Amino acid sequence: MSDTIILRRWSARIRTADEADYIAYIAGTGLDDYRATPGNLGAQMLVRTLGNGESEVSTLSWWESLDAIRAFAGEDIEVARYYPEDDRFLLTRPDHVEHHRVVRSAEMIKPG
């Protein structure tokens, strides 16, 4: 394993009314697939209500190498990966994802 961790970030928009259904759908598709791929170090889904009937959803996944990302995404890791029911939810469907090198981090502390 390399010392570099890579963050893969994807974002799109959905109807705010579909948030709960979409979150459940992604938990059983994308997030499960991330976790099942060797070299995945974790993943999170973020939701931001935009106030116009739409919400922005983002998935963040951390990987130990570009090869691990290829095992999940295919040879062209810059192309977004979609699932059969995505069209039911997505108002936008970006073609590409972002990759970032994690250069510094701090441990998350849970309140309480």
C-alpha atoms as a PDB file:
ATOM      1  CA  MET A   1       0.000   0.000   0.000  1.00  0.00           C
ATOM      2  CA  SER A   2       1.189   3.486  -0.863  1.00  0.00           C
ATOM      3  CA  ASP A   3       1.393   6.181   1.803  1.00  0.00           C
ATOM      4  CA  THR A   4      -1.039   8.264  -0.248  1.00  0.00           C
ATOM      5  CA  ILE A   5      -4.762   7.947   0.362  1.00  0.00           C
ATOM      6  CA  ILE A   6      -7.031   9.011  -2.486  1.00  0.00           C
ATOM      7  CA  LEU A   7     -10.446  10.583  -2.005  1.00  0.00           C
ATOM      8  CA  ARG A   8     -13.008   9.968  -4.758  1.00  0.00           C
ATOM      9  CA  ARG A   9     -15.832  12.535  -4.798  1.00  0.00           C
ATOM     10  CA  TRP A  10     -19.066  12.415  -6.787  1.00  0.00           C
ATOM     11  CA  SER A  11     -22.013  14.847  -6.547  1.00  0.00           C
ATOM     12  CA  ALA A  12     -25.421  15.231  -8.191  1.00  0.00           C
ATOM     13  CA  ARG A  13     -28.869  16.657  -7.470  1.00  0.00           C
ATOM     14  CA  ILE A  14     -32.098  14.914  -6.539  1.00  0.00           C
ATOM     15  CA  ARG A  15     -35.586  16.055  -5.507  1.00  0.00           C
ATOM     16  CA  THR A  16     -35.617  16.851  -1.783  1.00  0.00           C
ATOM     17  CA  ALA A  17     -38.788  14.766  -1.460  1.00  0.00           C
ATOM     18  CA  ASP A  18     -36.759  11.718  -2.618  1.00  0.00           C
ATOM     19  CA  GLU A  19     -33.966  12.074  -0.041  1.00  0.00           C
ATOM     20  CA  ALA A  20     -34.953   9.156   2.229  1.00  0.00           C
ATOM     21  CA  ASP A  21     -35.555   6.764  -0.674  1.00  0.00           C
ATOM     22  CA  TYR A  22     -32.346   7.766  -2.431  1.00  0.00           C
ATOM     23  CA  ILE A  23     -30.262   7.406   0.733  1.00  0.00           C
ATOM     24  CA  ALA A  24     -31.625   3.878   1.232  1.00  0.00           C
ATOM     25  CA  TYR A  25     -30.992   3.066  -2.433  1.00  0.00           C
ATOM     26  CA  ILE A  26     -27.367   4.257  -2.365  1.00  0.00           C
ATOM     27  CA  ALA A  27     -26.689   2.465   0.921  1.00  0.00           C
ATOM     28  CA  GLY A  28     -27.574  -0.806  -0.831  1.00  0.00           C
ATOM     29  CA  THR A  29     -25.753  -0.094  -4.086  1.00  0.00           C
ATOM     30  CA  GLY A  30     -22.820   2.321  -4.154  1.00  0.00           C
ATOM     31  CA  LEU A  31     -21.854   2.248  -0.490  1.00  0.00           C
ATOM     32  CA  ASP A  32     -22.048  -1.554  -0.348  1.00  0.00           C
ATOM     33  CA  ASP A  33     -19.979  -1.790  -3.535  1.00  0.00           C
ATOM     34  CA  TYR A  34     -17.341   0.566  -2.116  1.00  0.00           C
ATOM     35  CA  ARG A  35     -17.016  -1.545   1.031  1.00  0.00           C
ATOM     36  CA  ALA A  36     -16.851  -4.794  -0.970  1.00  0.00           C
ATOM     37  CA  THR A  37     -13.932  -3.572  -3.106  1.00  0.00           C
ATOM     38  CA  PRO A  38     -10.473  -4.468  -1.789  1.00  0.00           C
ATOM     39  CA  GLY A  39      -8.498  -1.296  -1.118  1.00  0.00           C
ATOM     40  CA  ASN A  40     -11.514   0.769  -0.071  1.00  0.00           C
ATOM     41  CA  LEU A  41     -10.841   2.488   3.234  1.00  0.00           C
ATOM     42  CA  GLY A  42     -14.358   3.798   3.847  1.00  0.00           C
ATOM     43  CA  ALA A  43     -17.138   5.907   2.370  1.00  0.00           C
ATOM     44  CA  GLN A  44     -19.716   8.489   3.354  1.00  0.00           C
ATOM     45  CA  MET A  45     -22.788  10.029   1.773  1.00  0.00           C
ATOM     46  CA  LEU A  46     -23.550  13.710   2.262  1.00  0.00           C
ATOM     47  CA  VAL A  47     -26.849  15.512   1.645  1.00  0.00           C
ATOM     48  CA  ARG A  48     -27.404  19.256   1.408  1.00  0.00           C
ATOM     49  CA  THR A  49     -30.881  20.726   0.985  1.00  0.00           C
ATOM     50  CA  LEU A  50     -30.743  23.578  -1.534  1.00  0.00           C
ATOM     51  CA  GLY A  51     -34.134  25.100  -0.673  1.00  0.00           C
ATOM     52  CA  ASN A  52     -35.598  24.984  -4.181  1.00  0.00           C
ATOM     53  CA  GLY A  53     -37.082  21.498  -3.962  1.00  0.00           C
ATOM     54  CA  GLU A  54     -33.689  20.002  -4.752  1.00  0.00           C
ATOM     55  CA  SER A  55     -30.932  18.498  -2.661  1.00  0.00           C
ATOM     56  CA  GLU A  56     -27.298  17.932  -3.506  1.00  0.00           C
ATOM     57  CA  VAL A  57     -25.959  14.476  -2.730  1.00  0.00           C
ATOM     58  CA  SER A  58     -22.283  13.607  -2.621  1.00  0.00           C
ATOM     59  CA  THR A  59     -20.419  10.406  -1.992  1.00  0.00           C
ATOM     60  CA  LEU A  60     -16.910  10.475  -0.614  1.00  0.00           C
ATOM     61  CA  SER A  61     -14.840   7.323  -0.688  1.00  0.00           C
ATOM     62  CA  TRP A  62     -11.261   6.775   0.431  1.00  0.00           C
ATOM     63  CA  TRP A  63      -8.923   4.404  -1.375  1.00  0.00           C
ATOM     64  CA  GLU A  64      -5.451   3.034  -0.842  1.00  0.00           C
ATOM     65  CA  SER A  65      -4.474   3.205  -4.539  1.00  0.00           C
ATOM     66  CA  LEU A  66      -5.583   4.077  -8.059  1.00  0.00           C
ATOM     67  CA  ASP A  67      -5.633   0.350  -8.813  1.00  0.00           C
ATOM     68  CA  ALA A  68      -8.191  -0.151  -6.034  1.00  0.00           C
ATOM     69  CA  ILE A  69     -10.347   2.578  -7.596  1.00  0.00           C
ATOM     70  CA  ARG A  70     -10.044   0.849 -10.987  1.00  0.00           C
ATOM     71  CA  ALA A  71     -11.359  -2.355  -9.411  1.00  0.00           C
ATOM     72  CA  PHE A  72     -14.481  -0.407  -8.429  1.00  0.00           C
ATOM     73  CA  ALA A  73     -14.889   2.054 -11.311  1.00  0.00           C
ATOM     74  CA  GLY A  74     -13.272   0.410 -14.323  1.00  0.00           C
ATOM     75  CA  GLU A  75     -10.219   1.400 -16.321  1.00  0.00           C
ATOM     76  CA  ASP A  76     -11.152   5.072 -16.746  1.00  0.00           C
ATOM     77  CA  ILE A  77     -11.483   6.099 -13.117  1.00  0.00           C
ATOM     78  CA  GLU A  78     -12.508   9.651 -14.041  1.00  0.00           C
ATOM     79  CA  VAL A  79     -15.854   8.434 -15.434  1.00  0.00           C
ATOM     80  CA  ALA A  80     -18.723   8.281 -12.940  1.00  0.00           C
ATOM     81  CA  ARG A  81     -20.222   4.870 -12.251  1.00  0.00           C
ATOM     82  CA  TYR A  82     -24.031   4.619 -12.249  1.00  0.00           C
ATOM     83  CA  TYR A  83     -26.607   2.012 -11.248  1.00  0.00           C
ATOM     84  CA  PRO A  84     -29.803   0.920 -13.043  1.00  0.00           C
ATOM     85  CA  GLU A  85     -32.249   2.891 -10.862  1.00  0.00           C
ATOM     86  CA  ASP A  86     -30.209   6.123 -10.772  1.00  0.00           C
ATOM     87  CA  ASP A  87     -32.306   7.737 -13.511  1.00  0.00           C
ATOM     88  CA  ARG A  88     -35.358   7.411 -11.263  1.00  0.00           C
ATOM     89  CA  PHE A  89     -33.761   9.787  -8.746  1.00  0.00           C
ATOM     90  CA  LEU A  90     -31.106  11.945 -10.383  1.00  0.00           C
ATOM     91  CA  LEU A  91     -31.892  15.400 -11.732  1.00  0.00           C
ATOM     92  CA  THR A  92     -28.265  15.795 -12.806  1.00  0.00           C
ATOM     93  CA  ARG A  93     -25.915  13.036 -13.918  1.00  0.00           C
ATOM     94  CA  PRO A  94     -22.324  14.268 -14.019  1.00  0.00           C
ATOM     95  CA  ASP A  95     -20.076  12.345 -16.373  1.00  0.00           C
ATOM     96  CA  HIS A  96     -16.994  12.605 -14.182  1.00  0.00           C
ATOM     97  CA  VAL A  97     -15.841  12.328 -10.588  1.00  0.00           C
ATOM     98  CA  GLU A  98     -13.009  14.068  -8.749  1.00  0.00           C
ATOM     99  CA  HIS A  99      -9.958  12.451  -7.200  1.00  0.00           C
ATOM    100  CA  HIS A 100      -7.866  14.149  -4.517  1.00  0.00           C
ATOM    101  CA  ARG A 101      -4.733  13.094  -2.671  1.00  0.00           C
ATOM    102  CA  VAL A 102      -5.269  13.262   1.081  1.00  0.00           C
ATOM    103  CA  VAL A 103      -2.231  15.210   2.261  1.00  0.00           C
ATOM    104  CA  ARG A 104      -3.184  15.756   5.890  1.00  0.00           C
ATOM    105  CA  SER A 105      -5.989  14.579   8.132  1.00  0.00           C
ATOM    106  CA  ALA A 106      -7.215  14.768  11.694  1.00  0.00           C
ATOM    107  CA  GLU A 107      -9.110  12.076  13.525  1.00  0.00           C
ATOM    108  CA  MET A 108     -12.837  12.646  13.755  1.00  0.00           C
ATOM    109  CA  ILE A 109     -14.143  13.046  17.284  1.00  0.00           C
ATOM    110  CA  LYS A 110     -17.745  12.119  17.997  1.00  0.00           C
ATOM    111  CA  PRO A 111     -19.580  14.489  20.337  1.00  0.00           C
ATOM    112  CA  GLY A 112     -20.920  13.217  23.612  1.00  0.00           C
END
